[in-house]
Structures are given as C-alpha cells and as structure tokens.
Amino acid sequence: AQTITDMITSNPQFVNLILQLGGKAGLIDSYFAMMLAFLSLVFAFYAILATLKIQSQESNKYSEMVLTSSVSRSQWAVSNLVFAVLAPALVLILFALSMGLSYGLITNEGLSDVTIRILGAALVYLPAIWLFTGLSMILFGLKTRLASLSWLALAMVVVIDLVGEFFDLNQWILN
C-alpha cells in the first residue's frame, strides 16, 4: 500500500482511476477496496467452480456409487456445498487479516484498527460471493444443464464492475 501511495501520487490519472474504482474514502482505503473487490470476484469464481463440481461428478457418473448407498441426493449436494460456502469465506478472512496485519505493522498504525477496518471491508463481499454459490445451486437444482448459466451472471458482474463507471450506468446498477 505504501508503494502504491508513492506510485499514485506521481500519476494523477492513476489517482483518479483508484478513486473511481475504490471509492472516495481516501487513497489507501480506495486501494484496499479495489483490491478486495477484485479478489471477491476471484473467490466468486471459486464458489461457482466448487458448486459446479456437483454437476461434473453427476455427469461423469462419480456420484452413482454414493447415491446408491444410504446417502440422499440432497445430503450429497449439501456435503459438496459446504466447500463452496466455507472455503471462500475462510480464504477471504485470512487474506483480509494478513493484509490488515501487514499494513498495520508497516505503517505503525493501530494494528487492531487497521485490521478490523480491512476485515470489515472484506466481509461486505461475502454475501455477494455466496449469492453466486446459491445461484449455481438453484440452477443445478432446476435443471442440471442450467447450472453453467451462473458463469454468465459472474461475467455480467465483471463487465459492469470494470466498465460500468465509464459508460455512466445508473448508480443502482453499479451498486
């Protein structure tokens, strides 16, 4: 973050880009917000992959042996869904903690203040990540082939997130 601050202050166009993508809370906070937003898209990508693993197991007939035992299809799906829900949360929390702790140590700011602020900012993205997990699971439940449409939803969010400001989209859509 300190290197980014030094780099940004020498380039006014980059300052405008960071403030536009990360918000107007200050340069460093905007940088962290921008990084967390991009990382949340990566974690949403993982959440969809983990959810669609169920579709892959079913289409490759790996699930047949499990489903012919006393395990129901719902139990099997929920056991797979646990990874799609918990893994992104765990990685996001660990990443935010390490980001907050390292920045707090470098800047000599209050460790707890910086860490809690960054952790809180990261946790804001968790429901959005889980939304993609839920969407994938709902589509899988409706019709197995529809589950791949969750990629389309993620692609729409990425496109809106990256170019929405430049096309002057309605703030409601951007939010």
N, C-alpha and C. Protein backbone atom coordinates (compact mmCIF):
# COMPACT_ATOMS: atom_id res chain seq x y z
N ALA A 1 0.83 -1.20 0.00
CA ALA A 1 0.00 0.00 0.00
C ALA A 1 0.87 1.25 0.00
N GLN A 2 1.98 1.21 0.73
CA GLN A 2 2.87 2.38 0.75
C GLN A 2 3.50 2.59 -0.62
N THR A 3 3.91 1.52 -1.27
CA THR A 3 4.47 1.62 -2.62
C THR A 3 3.44 2.17 -3.59
N ILE A 4 2.20 1.70 -3.44
CA ILE A 4 1.12 2.20 -4.29
C ILE A 4 0.91 3.69 -4.06
N THR A 5 0.97 4.12 -2.79
CA THR A 5 0.80 5.54 -2.49
C THR A 5 1.88 6.37 -3.17
N ASP A 6 3.12 5.92 -3.08
CA ASP A 6 4.21 6.65 -3.73
C ASP A 6 4.03 6.68 -5.25
N MET A 7 3.61 5.55 -5.82
CA MET A 7 3.42 5.48 -7.26
C MET A 7 2.24 6.33 -7.71
N ILE A 8 1.19 6.30 -6.92
CA ILE A 8 -0.03 7.00 -7.30
C ILE A 8 0.15 8.51 -7.26
N THR A 9 0.83 8.99 -6.24
CA THR A 9 0.96 10.44 -6.10
C THR A 9 1.71 11.07 -7.26
N SER A 10 2.50 10.29 -7.96
CA SER A 10 3.23 10.83 -9.10
C SER A 10 2.43 10.73 -10.40
N ASN A 11 1.26 10.10 -10.37
CA ASN A 11 0.47 9.91 -11.58
C ASN A 11 -1.00 10.28 -11.31
N PRO A 12 -1.42 11.48 -11.67
CA PRO A 12 -2.78 11.93 -11.35
C PRO A 12 -3.88 11.10 -12.03
N GLN A 13 -3.61 10.54 -13.22
CA GLN A 13 -4.61 9.71 -13.87
C GLN A 13 -4.86 8.44 -13.06
N PHE A 14 -3.81 7.89 -12.49
CA PHE A 14 -3.95 6.69 -11.68
C PHE A 14 -4.70 7.00 -10.39
N VAL A 15 -4.48 8.19 -9.82
CA VAL A 15 -5.23 8.61 -8.63
C VAL A 15 -6.72 8.62 -8.95
N ASN A 16 -7.08 9.19 -10.08
CA ASN A 16 -8.50 9.24 -10.48
C ASN A 16 -9.07 7.85 -10.68
N LEU A 17 -8.28 6.95 -11.29
CA LEU A 17 -8.74 5.58 -11.51
C LEU A 17 -8.97 4.85 -10.19
N ILE A 18 -8.03 4.96 -9.27
CA ILE A 18 -8.17 4.30 -7.96
C ILE A 18 -9.38 4.84 -7.22
N LEU A 19 -9.54 6.15 -7.22
CA LEU A 19 -10.67 6.75 -6.51
C LEU A 19 -11.99 6.37 -7.17
N GLN A 20 -11.97 6.22 -8.49
CA GLN A 20 -13.19 5.85 -9.20
C GLN A 20 -13.56 4.40 -8.92
N LEU A 21 -12.57 3.51 -8.93
CA LEU A 21 -12.84 2.09 -8.71
C LEU A 21 -13.01 1.75 -7.24
N GLY A 22 -12.31 2.44 -6.36
CA GLY A 22 -12.30 2.07 -4.95
C GLY A 22 -13.13 2.94 -4.04
N GLY A 23 -13.65 4.03 -4.53
CA GLY A 23 -14.45 4.91 -3.68
C GLY A 23 -13.66 6.15 -3.29
N LYS A 24 -14.30 7.01 -2.55
CA LYS A 24 -13.68 8.29 -2.23
C LYS A 24 -13.32 8.40 -0.75
N ALA A 25 -13.00 7.30 -0.11
CA ALA A 25 -12.71 7.30 1.32
C ALA A 25 -11.26 7.66 1.62
N GLY A 26 -10.47 7.87 0.64
CA GLY A 26 -9.04 8.13 0.82
C GLY A 26 -8.28 7.19 -0.08
N LEU A 27 -7.07 7.56 -0.40
CA LEU A 27 -6.32 6.80 -1.39
C LEU A 27 -6.02 5.37 -0.96
N ILE A 28 -5.53 5.20 0.25
CA ILE A 28 -5.18 3.85 0.72
C ILE A 28 -6.44 3.01 0.88
N ASP A 29 -7.48 3.58 1.49
CA ASP A 29 -8.73 2.83 1.65
C ASP A 29 -9.33 2.48 0.30
N SER A 30 -9.22 3.39 -0.66
CA SER A 30 -9.72 3.11 -2.01
C SER A 30 -8.93 1.97 -2.65
N TYR A 31 -7.63 1.97 -2.43
CA TYR A 31 -6.79 0.89 -2.96
C TYR A 31 -7.21 -0.45 -2.36
N PHE A 32 -7.38 -0.50 -1.04
CA PHE A 32 -7.80 -1.74 -0.40
C PHE A 32 -9.19 -2.17 -0.87
N ALA A 33 -10.09 -1.21 -1.03
CA ALA A 33 -11.44 -1.54 -1.51
C ALA A 33 -11.38 -2.11 -2.92
N MET A 34 -10.54 -1.51 -3.77
CA MET A 34 -10.40 -2.01 -5.14
C MET A 34 -9.82 -3.42 -5.14
N MET A 35 -8.79 -3.65 -4.32
CA MET A 35 -8.18 -4.99 -4.24
C MET A 35 -9.19 -6.02 -3.73
N LEU A 36 -9.94 -5.67 -2.71
CA LEU A 36 -10.93 -6.60 -2.16
C LEU A 36 -12.04 -6.88 -3.17
N ALA A 37 -12.42 -5.89 -3.94
CA ALA A 37 -13.45 -6.10 -4.96
C ALA A 37 -12.96 -7.08 -6.02
N PHE A 38 -11.73 -6.91 -6.47
CA PHE A 38 -11.18 -7.84 -7.46
C PHE A 38 -11.02 -9.24 -6.88
N LEU A 39 -10.55 -9.32 -5.65
CA LEU A 39 -10.39 -10.63 -5.02
C LEU A 39 -11.73 -11.31 -4.79
N SER A 40 -12.75 -10.54 -4.48
CA SER A 40 -14.06 -11.15 -4.28
C SER A 40 -14.57 -11.77 -5.58
N LEU A 41 -14.21 -11.18 -6.71
CA LEU A 41 -14.59 -11.79 -7.99
C LEU A 41 -13.86 -13.12 -8.18
N VAL A 42 -12.61 -13.18 -7.77
CA VAL A 42 -11.86 -14.44 -7.85
C VAL A 42 -12.49 -15.49 -6.93
N PHE A 43 -12.87 -15.07 -5.73
CA PHE A 43 -13.48 -16.02 -4.79
C PHE A 43 -14.87 -16.45 -5.27
N ALA A 44 -15.58 -15.55 -5.96
CA ALA A 44 -16.87 -15.94 -6.55
C ALA A 44 -16.64 -16.97 -7.66
N PHE A 45 -15.57 -16.79 -8.41
CA PHE A 45 -15.19 -17.77 -9.43
C PHE A 45 -14.98 -19.14 -8.78
N TYR A 46 -14.25 -19.17 -7.65
CA TYR A 46 -14.04 -20.44 -6.94
C TYR A 46 -15.37 -21.01 -6.44
N ALA A 47 -16.23 -20.16 -5.91
CA ALA A 47 -17.51 -20.63 -5.37
C ALA A 47 -18.34 -21.30 -6.46
N ILE A 48 -18.35 -20.72 -7.65
CA ILE A 48 -19.08 -21.33 -8.76
C ILE A 48 -18.42 -22.65 -9.15
N LEU A 49 -17.09 -22.67 -9.23
CA LEU A 49 -16.39 -23.92 -9.56
C LEU A 49 -16.70 -25.02 -8.56
N ALA A 50 -16.66 -24.68 -7.28
CA ALA A 50 -16.92 -25.67 -6.25
C ALA A 50 -18.36 -26.17 -6.30
N THR A 51 -19.28 -25.28 -6.62
CA THR A 51 -20.68 -25.70 -6.74
C THR A 51 -20.89 -26.56 -7.97
N LEU A 52 -20.28 -26.19 -9.08
CA LEU A 52 -20.46 -26.95 -10.32
C LEU A 52 -19.70 -28.27 -10.31
N LYS A 53 -18.90 -28.48 -9.28
CA LYS A 53 -18.25 -29.79 -9.14
C LYS A 53 -19.31 -30.88 -8.98
N ILE A 54 -20.42 -30.52 -8.38
CA ILE A 54 -21.53 -31.46 -8.24
C ILE A 54 -22.03 -31.89 -9.61
N GLN A 55 -22.19 -30.92 -10.51
CA GLN A 55 -22.63 -31.22 -11.87
C GLN A 55 -21.62 -32.12 -12.57
N SER A 56 -20.35 -31.84 -12.39
CA SER A 56 -19.31 -32.64 -13.01
C SER A 56 -19.31 -34.07 -12.48
N GLN A 57 -19.45 -34.21 -11.17
CA GLN A 57 -19.48 -35.55 -10.57
C GLN A 57 -20.68 -36.34 -11.05
N GLU A 58 -21.79 -35.66 -11.21
CA GLU A 58 -23.00 -36.35 -11.65
C GLU A 58 -22.91 -36.74 -13.13
N SER A 59 -22.42 -35.83 -13.96
CA SER A 59 -22.34 -36.14 -15.39
C SER A 59 -21.28 -37.20 -15.70
N ASN A 60 -20.23 -37.26 -14.88
CA ASN A 60 -19.19 -38.28 -15.07
C ASN A 60 -19.51 -39.59 -14.33
N LYS A 61 -20.67 -39.64 -13.74
CA LYS A 61 -21.17 -40.84 -13.04
C LYS A 61 -20.36 -41.20 -11.79
N TYR A 62 -19.60 -40.22 -11.24
CA TYR A 62 -18.86 -40.46 -10.00
C TYR A 62 -19.80 -40.53 -8.80
N SER A 63 -20.92 -39.87 -8.92
CA SER A 63 -21.84 -39.78 -7.79
C SER A 63 -22.72 -41.03 -7.65
N GLU A 64 -22.75 -41.88 -8.65
CA GLU A 64 -23.64 -43.04 -8.61
C GLU A 64 -23.38 -43.96 -7.42
N MET A 65 -22.11 -44.20 -7.12
CA MET A 65 -21.81 -45.11 -6.01
C MET A 65 -22.23 -44.52 -4.68
N VAL A 66 -22.09 -43.21 -4.54
CA VAL A 66 -22.50 -42.56 -3.29
C VAL A 66 -24.02 -42.56 -3.19
N LEU A 67 -24.68 -42.26 -4.30
CA LEU A 67 -26.13 -42.12 -4.27
C LEU A 67 -26.85 -43.48 -4.19
N THR A 68 -26.17 -44.56 -4.53
CA THR A 68 -26.81 -45.87 -4.39
C THR A 68 -26.74 -46.39 -2.95
N SER A 69 -25.98 -45.70 -2.10
CA SER A 69 -25.93 -46.08 -0.69
C SER A 69 -27.05 -45.34 0.04
N SER A 70 -26.91 -45.19 1.32
CA SER A 70 -27.96 -44.57 2.13
C SER A 70 -27.93 -43.04 2.07
N VAL A 71 -27.05 -42.46 1.28
CA VAL A 71 -26.96 -41.01 1.15
C VAL A 71 -27.95 -40.53 0.10
N SER A 72 -28.77 -39.55 0.50
CA SER A 72 -29.73 -39.00 -0.47
C SER A 72 -29.03 -37.97 -1.36
N ARG A 73 -29.70 -37.62 -2.44
CA ARG A 73 -29.13 -36.64 -3.36
C ARG A 73 -28.97 -35.29 -2.66
N SER A 74 -29.91 -34.94 -1.80
CA SER A 74 -29.83 -33.68 -1.05
C SER A 74 -28.65 -33.68 -0.10
N GLN A 75 -28.44 -34.76 0.62
CA GLN A 75 -27.31 -34.85 1.55
C GLN A 75 -25.99 -34.76 0.79
N TRP A 76 -25.93 -35.42 -0.33
CA TRP A 76 -24.73 -35.39 -1.15
C TRP A 76 -24.44 -33.98 -1.65
N ALA A 77 -25.49 -33.29 -2.10
CA ALA A 77 -25.33 -31.93 -2.61
C ALA A 77 -24.89 -30.98 -1.50
N VAL A 78 -25.50 -31.11 -0.32
CA VAL A 78 -25.14 -30.24 0.80
C VAL A 78 -23.71 -30.49 1.24
N SER A 79 -23.28 -31.74 1.24
CA SER A 79 -21.90 -32.03 1.65
C SER A 79 -20.90 -31.40 0.69
N ASN A 80 -21.24 -31.32 -0.58
CA ASN A 80 -20.37 -30.64 -1.54
C ASN A 80 -20.49 -29.12 -1.43
N LEU A 81 -21.67 -28.67 -1.09
CA LEU A 81 -21.94 -27.24 -1.00
C LEU A 81 -21.19 -26.59 0.17
N VAL A 82 -20.87 -27.36 1.19
CA VAL A 82 -20.14 -26.84 2.34
C VAL A 82 -18.81 -26.21 1.89
N PHE A 83 -18.13 -26.86 0.96
CA PHE A 83 -16.85 -26.33 0.47
C PHE A 83 -17.05 -25.04 -0.33
N ALA A 84 -18.13 -24.96 -1.06
CA ALA A 84 -18.39 -23.77 -1.86
C ALA A 84 -18.75 -22.57 -0.98
N VAL A 85 -19.26 -22.83 0.22
CA VAL A 85 -19.64 -21.75 1.12
C VAL A 85 -18.50 -21.39 2.08
N LEU A 86 -17.88 -22.38 2.68
CA LEU A 86 -16.88 -22.12 3.72
C LEU A 86 -15.51 -21.74 3.18
N ALA A 87 -15.08 -22.36 2.10
CA ALA A 87 -13.72 -22.10 1.59
C ALA A 87 -13.52 -20.65 1.17
N PRO A 88 -14.42 -20.05 0.38
CA PRO A 88 -14.21 -18.64 0.05
C PRO A 88 -14.23 -17.74 1.28
N ALA A 89 -15.09 -18.05 2.25
CA ALA A 89 -15.15 -17.25 3.47
C ALA A 89 -13.84 -17.33 4.23
N LEU A 90 -13.33 -18.54 4.38
CA LEU A 90 -12.08 -18.73 5.12
C LEU A 90 -10.92 -18.03 4.43
N VAL A 91 -10.80 -18.19 3.13
CA VAL A 91 -9.69 -17.57 2.40
C VAL A 91 -9.82 -16.04 2.42
N LEU A 92 -11.03 -15.54 2.28
CA LEU A 92 -11.25 -14.09 2.32
C LEU A 92 -10.87 -13.52 3.68
N ILE A 93 -11.28 -14.19 4.74
CA ILE A 93 -10.95 -13.73 6.09
C ILE A 93 -9.45 -13.78 6.33
N LEU A 94 -8.80 -14.88 5.95
CA LEU A 94 -7.36 -14.98 6.13
C LEU A 94 -6.61 -13.93 5.31
N PHE A 95 -7.06 -13.70 4.11
CA PHE A 95 -6.42 -12.69 3.27
C PHE A 95 -6.58 -11.30 3.89
N ALA A 96 -7.78 -10.97 4.34
CA ALA A 96 -8.03 -9.65 4.93
C ALA A 96 -7.22 -9.48 6.21
N LEU A 97 -7.13 -10.51 7.03
CA LEU A 97 -6.33 -10.43 8.25
C LEU A 97 -4.86 -10.21 7.94
N SER A 98 -4.34 -10.95 6.97
CA SER A 98 -2.93 -10.78 6.63
C SER A 98 -2.67 -9.41 6.00
N MET A 99 -3.61 -8.94 5.21
CA MET A 99 -3.47 -7.63 4.60
C MET A 99 -3.50 -6.54 5.68
N GLY A 100 -4.44 -6.65 6.60
CA GLY A 100 -4.55 -5.66 7.68
C GLY A 100 -3.37 -5.69 8.62
N LEU A 101 -2.94 -6.89 9.00
CA LEU A 101 -1.81 -7.01 9.92
C LEU A 101 -0.52 -6.49 9.29
N SER A 102 -0.26 -6.85 8.05
CA SER A 102 0.97 -6.41 7.41
C SER A 102 0.97 -4.90 7.20
N TYR A 103 -0.16 -4.34 6.78
CA TYR A 103 -0.22 -2.89 6.60
C TYR A 103 -0.11 -2.17 7.95
N GLY A 104 -0.74 -2.72 8.97
CA GLY A 104 -0.65 -2.11 10.31
C GLY A 104 0.76 -2.14 10.85
N LEU A 105 1.49 -3.22 10.61
CA LEU A 105 2.87 -3.31 11.08
C LEU A 105 3.79 -2.34 10.34
N ILE A 106 3.58 -2.20 9.05
CA ILE A 106 4.44 -1.34 8.25
C ILE A 106 4.21 0.13 8.58
N THR A 107 2.96 0.52 8.78
CA THR A 107 2.65 1.94 8.98
C THR A 107 2.65 2.35 10.45
N ASN A 108 2.79 1.40 11.35
CA ASN A 108 2.75 1.66 12.79
C ASN A 108 1.43 2.27 13.25
N GLU A 109 0.39 2.09 12.46
CA GLU A 109 -0.94 2.49 12.90
C GLU A 109 -1.41 1.44 13.90
N GLY A 110 -2.50 1.71 14.55
CA GLY A 110 -3.03 0.71 15.47
C GLY A 110 -3.37 -0.56 14.72
N LEU A 111 -2.71 -1.63 15.10
CA LEU A 111 -2.94 -2.90 14.40
C LEU A 111 -4.40 -3.29 14.41
N SER A 112 -5.02 -3.17 15.55
CA SER A 112 -6.41 -3.62 15.63
C SER A 112 -7.32 -2.75 14.78
N ASP A 113 -7.06 -1.43 14.74
CA ASP A 113 -7.91 -0.54 13.95
C ASP A 113 -7.84 -0.87 12.46
N VAL A 114 -6.64 -0.98 11.94
CA VAL A 114 -6.45 -1.25 10.52
C VAL A 114 -6.99 -2.63 10.17
N THR A 115 -6.64 -3.61 10.99
CA THR A 115 -7.06 -4.99 10.71
C THR A 115 -8.57 -5.12 10.75
N ILE A 116 -9.20 -4.54 11.74
CA ILE A 116 -10.66 -4.62 11.84
C ILE A 116 -11.32 -3.89 10.68
N ARG A 117 -10.78 -2.75 10.30
CA ARG A 117 -11.35 -1.99 9.18
C ARG A 117 -11.26 -2.78 7.87
N ILE A 118 -10.11 -3.40 7.62
CA ILE A 118 -9.95 -4.17 6.38
C ILE A 118 -10.77 -5.46 6.44
N LEU A 119 -10.81 -6.11 7.60
CA LEU A 119 -11.63 -7.31 7.73
C LEU A 119 -13.11 -6.99 7.52
N GLY A 120 -13.56 -5.89 8.08
CA GLY A 120 -14.96 -5.48 7.87
C GLY A 120 -15.25 -5.20 6.41
N ALA A 121 -14.31 -4.55 5.74
CA ALA A 121 -14.49 -4.26 4.31
C ALA A 121 -14.52 -5.54 3.49
N ALA A 122 -13.73 -6.53 3.89
CA ALA A 122 -13.71 -7.80 3.17
C ALA A 122 -15.00 -8.58 3.38
N LEU A 123 -15.50 -8.56 4.60
CA LEU A 123 -16.71 -9.34 4.91
C LEU A 123 -17.95 -8.80 4.19
N VAL A 124 -17.89 -7.56 3.76
CA VAL A 124 -19.00 -6.99 2.99
C VAL A 124 -19.22 -7.76 1.69
N TYR A 125 -18.13 -8.29 1.13
CA TYR A 125 -18.22 -9.01 -0.14
C TYR A 125 -18.67 -10.46 0.00
N LEU A 126 -18.68 -10.98 1.20
CA LEU A 126 -19.01 -12.38 1.40
C LEU A 126 -20.44 -12.74 0.95
N PRO A 127 -21.46 -11.95 1.28
CA PRO A 127 -22.80 -12.30 0.77
C PRO A 127 -22.89 -12.32 -0.75
N ALA A 128 -22.13 -11.45 -1.41
CA ALA A 128 -22.14 -11.45 -2.88
C ALA A 128 -21.51 -12.72 -3.42
N ILE A 129 -20.46 -13.19 -2.77
CA ILE A 129 -19.82 -14.44 -3.18
C ILE A 129 -20.81 -15.59 -2.98
N TRP A 130 -21.48 -15.59 -1.84
CA TRP A 130 -22.46 -16.65 -1.56
C TRP A 130 -23.66 -16.58 -2.49
N LEU A 131 -23.94 -15.40 -3.01
CA LEU A 131 -25.03 -15.27 -3.98
C LEU A 131 -24.74 -16.11 -5.22
N PHE A 132 -23.49 -16.10 -5.67
CA PHE A 132 -23.13 -16.91 -6.83
C PHE A 132 -23.19 -18.40 -6.51
N THR A 133 -22.84 -18.76 -5.28
CA THR A 133 -22.97 -20.16 -4.86
C THR A 133 -24.44 -20.57 -4.90
N GLY A 134 -25.28 -19.74 -4.34
CA GLY A 134 -26.72 -20.03 -4.32
C GLY A 134 -27.33 -20.08 -5.70
N LEU A 135 -26.93 -19.14 -6.55
CA LEU A 135 -27.44 -19.12 -7.92
C LEU A 135 -27.04 -20.39 -8.66
N SER A 136 -25.79 -20.80 -8.50
CA SER A 136 -25.33 -22.03 -9.16
C SER A 136 -26.12 -23.23 -8.66
N MET A 137 -26.36 -23.26 -7.36
CA MET A 137 -27.08 -24.40 -6.78
C MET A 137 -28.55 -24.41 -7.20
N ILE A 138 -29.16 -23.24 -7.26
CA ILE A 138 -30.56 -23.16 -7.71
C ILE A 138 -30.68 -23.62 -9.16
N LEU A 139 -29.78 -23.14 -10.00
CA LEU A 139 -29.82 -23.54 -11.41
C LEU A 139 -29.56 -25.04 -11.56
N PHE A 140 -28.65 -25.58 -10.75
CA PHE A 140 -28.38 -27.02 -10.78
C PHE A 140 -29.62 -27.80 -10.34
N GLY A 141 -30.30 -27.28 -9.32
CA GLY A 141 -31.50 -27.95 -8.83
C GLY A 141 -32.65 -27.91 -9.82
N LEU A 142 -32.77 -26.82 -10.55
CA LEU A 142 -33.84 -26.71 -11.54
C LEU A 142 -33.62 -27.65 -12.71
N LYS A 143 -32.46 -27.56 -13.28
CA LYS A 143 -32.07 -28.43 -14.40
C LYS A 143 -30.56 -28.41 -14.45
N THR A 144 -29.97 -29.57 -14.45
CA THR A 144 -28.52 -29.69 -14.34
C THR A 144 -27.78 -28.86 -15.37
N ARG A 145 -28.28 -28.82 -16.58
CA ARG A 145 -27.60 -28.09 -17.64
C ARG A 145 -27.64 -26.58 -17.45
N LEU A 146 -28.61 -26.09 -16.68
CA LEU A 146 -28.73 -24.65 -16.45
C LEU A 146 -27.65 -24.11 -15.51
N ALA A 147 -27.00 -24.98 -14.76
CA ALA A 147 -26.02 -24.55 -13.77
C ALA A 147 -24.89 -23.74 -14.39
N SER A 148 -24.57 -24.01 -15.62
CA SER A 148 -23.47 -23.28 -16.28
C SER A 148 -23.83 -21.82 -16.54
N LEU A 149 -25.11 -21.48 -16.45
CA LEU A 149 -25.50 -20.08 -16.64
C LEU A 149 -24.99 -19.18 -15.51
N SER A 150 -24.56 -19.78 -14.41
CA SER A 150 -24.01 -18.96 -13.33
C SER A 150 -22.73 -18.25 -13.78
N TRP A 151 -22.03 -18.83 -14.77
CA TRP A 151 -20.86 -18.15 -15.33
C TRP A 151 -21.27 -16.87 -16.04
N LEU A 152 -22.41 -16.91 -16.68
CA LEU A 152 -22.92 -15.72 -17.37
C LEU A 152 -23.21 -14.61 -16.36
N ALA A 153 -23.78 -14.97 -15.22
CA ALA A 153 -24.06 -13.98 -14.18
C ALA A 153 -22.76 -13.35 -13.67
N LEU A 154 -21.76 -14.17 -13.44
CA LEU A 154 -20.47 -13.64 -12.98
C LEU A 154 -19.83 -12.75 -14.05
N ALA A 155 -19.92 -13.16 -15.29
CA ALA A 155 -19.37 -12.35 -16.39
C ALA A 155 -20.06 -10.99 -16.47
N MET A 156 -21.37 -10.97 -16.27
CA MET A 156 -22.10 -9.70 -16.29
C MET A 156 -21.63 -8.78 -15.17
N VAL A 157 -21.42 -9.35 -13.98
CA VAL A 157 -20.95 -8.55 -12.85
C VAL A 157 -19.55 -8.01 -13.13
N VAL A 158 -18.69 -8.84 -13.69
CA VAL A 158 -17.32 -8.39 -14.00
C VAL A 158 -17.36 -7.26 -15.02
N VAL A 159 -18.15 -7.40 -16.05
CA VAL A 159 -18.22 -6.36 -17.08
C VAL A 159 -18.79 -5.07 -16.50
N ILE A 160 -19.86 -5.18 -15.72
CA ILE A 160 -20.45 -3.98 -15.11
C ILE A 160 -19.46 -3.34 -14.15
N ASP A 161 -18.74 -4.17 -13.39
CA ASP A 161 -17.78 -3.65 -12.42
C ASP A 161 -16.62 -2.95 -13.10
N LEU A 162 -16.16 -3.49 -14.20
CA LEU A 162 -14.98 -2.92 -14.87
C LEU A 162 -15.30 -1.71 -15.73
N VAL A 163 -16.41 -1.74 -16.43
CA VAL A 163 -16.69 -0.66 -17.39
C VAL A 163 -17.97 0.11 -17.08
N GLY A 164 -18.63 -0.22 -16.01
CA GLY A 164 -19.89 0.46 -15.69
C GLY A 164 -19.74 1.94 -15.46
N GLU A 165 -18.69 2.34 -14.76
CA GLU A 165 -18.44 3.76 -14.50
C GLU A 165 -18.17 4.52 -15.79
N PHE A 166 -17.48 3.88 -16.71
CA PHE A 166 -17.10 4.56 -17.95
C PHE A 166 -18.30 4.77 -18.88
N PHE A 167 -19.30 3.89 -18.78
CA PHE A 167 -20.50 4.02 -19.61
C PHE A 167 -21.60 4.80 -18.90
N ASP A 168 -21.26 5.35 -17.75
CA ASP A 168 -22.19 6.18 -16.98
C ASP A 168 -23.51 5.46 -16.71
N LEU A 169 -23.39 4.20 -16.24
CA LEU A 169 -24.58 3.42 -15.90
C LEU A 169 -25.24 4.00 -14.65
N ASN A 170 -26.49 3.71 -14.50
CA ASN A 170 -27.25 4.14 -13.33
C ASN A 170 -26.56 3.62 -12.06
N GLN A 171 -26.52 4.44 -11.01
CA GLN A 171 -25.85 4.06 -9.76
C GLN A 171 -26.49 2.82 -9.15
N TRP A 172 -27.80 2.63 -9.34
CA TRP A 172 -28.48 1.45 -8.81
C TRP A 172 -27.88 0.18 -9.40
N ILE A 173 -27.59 0.19 -10.70
CA ILE A 173 -26.98 -0.97 -11.36
C ILE A 173 -25.57 -1.18 -10.83
N LEU A 174 -24.81 -0.11 -10.68
CA LEU A 174 -23.44 -0.23 -10.18
C LEU A 174 -23.42 -0.77 -8.75
N ASN A 175 -24.34 -0.35 -7.93
CA ASN A 175 -24.42 -0.84 -6.55
C ASN A 175 -24.76 -2.32 -6.53
